[in-house]
Every structure is written in structure tokens, then in C-alpha cells.
Amino acid sequence: MKQLSLFPEDNTDPRPPESIGWNLWHGCTKASTGCLHCYMYRRDESIGKDPSIVQKTENFDLPVKILRSGKYKGRYKVPFGSHI
């Protein structure tokens, strides 16, 4: 049985692969005593965000976004072979 993929089998993408950090969600619910001194809570509170609200980030669907203009129009924003 052939595995389905979002990306084509052949590498016709001229861009080099990248290493990309991809955060789907932001926010958290404290679940243990290890959460008492969480850096994310301190950082968000210092800039006026409520860290207890869990929400999608603007890059939630990054791997399936397609470039709409420019030299690589119609290609995925994430180059073929990239590590996410």
C-alpha cells in the first residue's frame, strides 16, 4: 500500500531544505508542581498576554501553506525535504 503524502515524491523544488521550528499552539494549563516557575507564564505576563489561554498560532497550518506570489509561486512555503 502506498503512503499518502502532502509533498510530491520527486524533488523538483530548487530551494534547499531548511530546519524549521513549528509551534502549533500557544498557552498552557498548569498541570504539575514543575509548572510553578514556568518561563512561558513569566514571559507572557510581562508583555500583557494571558498565558492560560490556549490558542492556535499564526503558523498553525504552515506546512500546507502555498506561496501566492514571487519566484516560487504555487510551491509550499516549506521547501521539500525540510526538517520541521
Protein backbone atom coordinates (compact mmCIF):
# COMPACT_ATOMS: atom_id res chain seq x y z
CA MET A 1 0.00 0.00 0.00
CA LYS A 2 1.37 3.41 -0.92
CA GLN A 3 1.64 6.04 1.82
CA LEU A 4 -0.16 9.33 1.15
CA SER A 5 1.92 12.49 1.36
CA LEU A 6 1.31 16.24 1.16
CA PHE A 7 4.51 16.59 -0.84
CA PRO A 8 5.33 15.17 -4.29
CA GLU A 9 7.50 12.05 -4.45
CA ASP A 10 10.11 13.63 -6.72
CA ASN A 11 12.18 16.59 -5.56
CA THR A 12 11.61 19.25 -8.20
CA ASP A 13 11.91 22.08 -5.68
CA PRO A 14 15.08 24.11 -6.40
CA ARG A 15 15.16 25.55 -2.86
CA PRO A 16 17.46 23.90 -0.32
CA PRO A 17 15.84 22.13 2.65
CA GLU A 18 15.67 24.07 5.93
CA SER A 19 15.30 23.32 9.62
CA ILE A 20 12.07 24.99 10.70
CA GLY A 21 10.61 25.45 14.18
CA TRP A 22 6.85 24.97 14.11
CA ASN A 23 4.72 25.84 17.12
CA LEU A 24 1.09 24.87 16.64
CA TRP A 25 -0.30 26.20 19.89
CA HIS A 26 0.45 28.94 22.41
CA GLY A 27 -0.66 28.97 26.02
CA CYS A 28 -0.86 26.29 28.67
CA THR A 29 -2.76 24.93 31.63
CA LYS A 30 -0.52 24.30 34.62
CA ALA A 31 -0.63 20.60 35.42
CA SER A 32 2.08 19.88 37.99
CA THR A 33 4.38 21.42 40.60
CA GLY A 34 7.05 21.67 37.89
CA CYS A 35 4.88 24.36 36.31
CA LEU A 36 5.25 26.77 39.27
CA HIS A 37 8.20 28.62 37.73
CA CYS A 38 7.34 28.25 34.04
CA TYR A 39 9.26 30.68 31.79
CA MET A 40 6.35 30.96 29.33
CA TYR A 41 3.98 32.20 32.02
CA ARG A 42 6.50 34.81 33.22
CA ARG A 43 7.26 35.98 29.68
CA ASP A 44 3.62 36.30 28.63
CA GLU A 45 2.63 38.11 31.81
CA SER A 46 5.50 40.59 31.28
CA ILE A 47 4.10 41.57 27.86
CA GLY A 48 0.45 41.63 28.98
CA LYS A 49 -0.74 38.31 27.49
CA ASP A 50 -2.82 35.79 29.40
CA PRO A 51 -0.71 32.59 29.29
CA SER A 52 -3.60 30.39 30.42
CA ILE A 53 -5.49 30.91 27.13
CA VAL A 54 -4.54 28.12 24.71
CA GLN A 55 -4.93 29.14 21.06
CA LYS A 56 -3.65 28.33 17.57
CA THR A 57 -0.60 30.25 16.39
CA GLU A 58 -0.49 32.10 13.07
CA ASN A 59 1.76 29.31 11.74
CA PHE A 60 -0.70 26.54 12.65
CA ASP A 61 -1.02 25.36 9.04
CA LEU A 62 2.50 26.33 7.86
CA PRO A 63 3.42 23.05 6.09
CA VAL A 64 0.37 23.23 3.81
CA LYS A 65 0.50 26.96 3.01
CA ILE A 66 1.29 27.75 -0.61
CA LEU A 67 3.19 30.79 -1.85
CA ARG A 68 0.88 33.14 -3.79
CA SER A 69 3.47 35.30 -5.48
CA GLY A 70 7.15 35.60 -6.27
CA LYS A 71 9.68 33.32 -7.86
CA TYR A 72 8.33 30.15 -6.22
CA LYS A 73 4.60 30.90 -6.65
CA GLY A 74 2.47 27.77 -6.27
CA ARG A 75 5.04 25.88 -4.17
CA TYR A 76 4.63 25.08 -0.50
CA LYS A 77 6.16 27.65 1.88
CA VAL A 78 8.24 24.88 3.45
CA PRO A 79 10.87 23.63 0.94
CA PHE A 80 10.86 19.95 0.01
CA GLY A 81 12.95 17.80 2.37
CA SER A 82 12.90 20.31 5.25
CA HIS A 83 13.03 19.23 8.89
CA ILE A 84 10.14 20.62 10.90
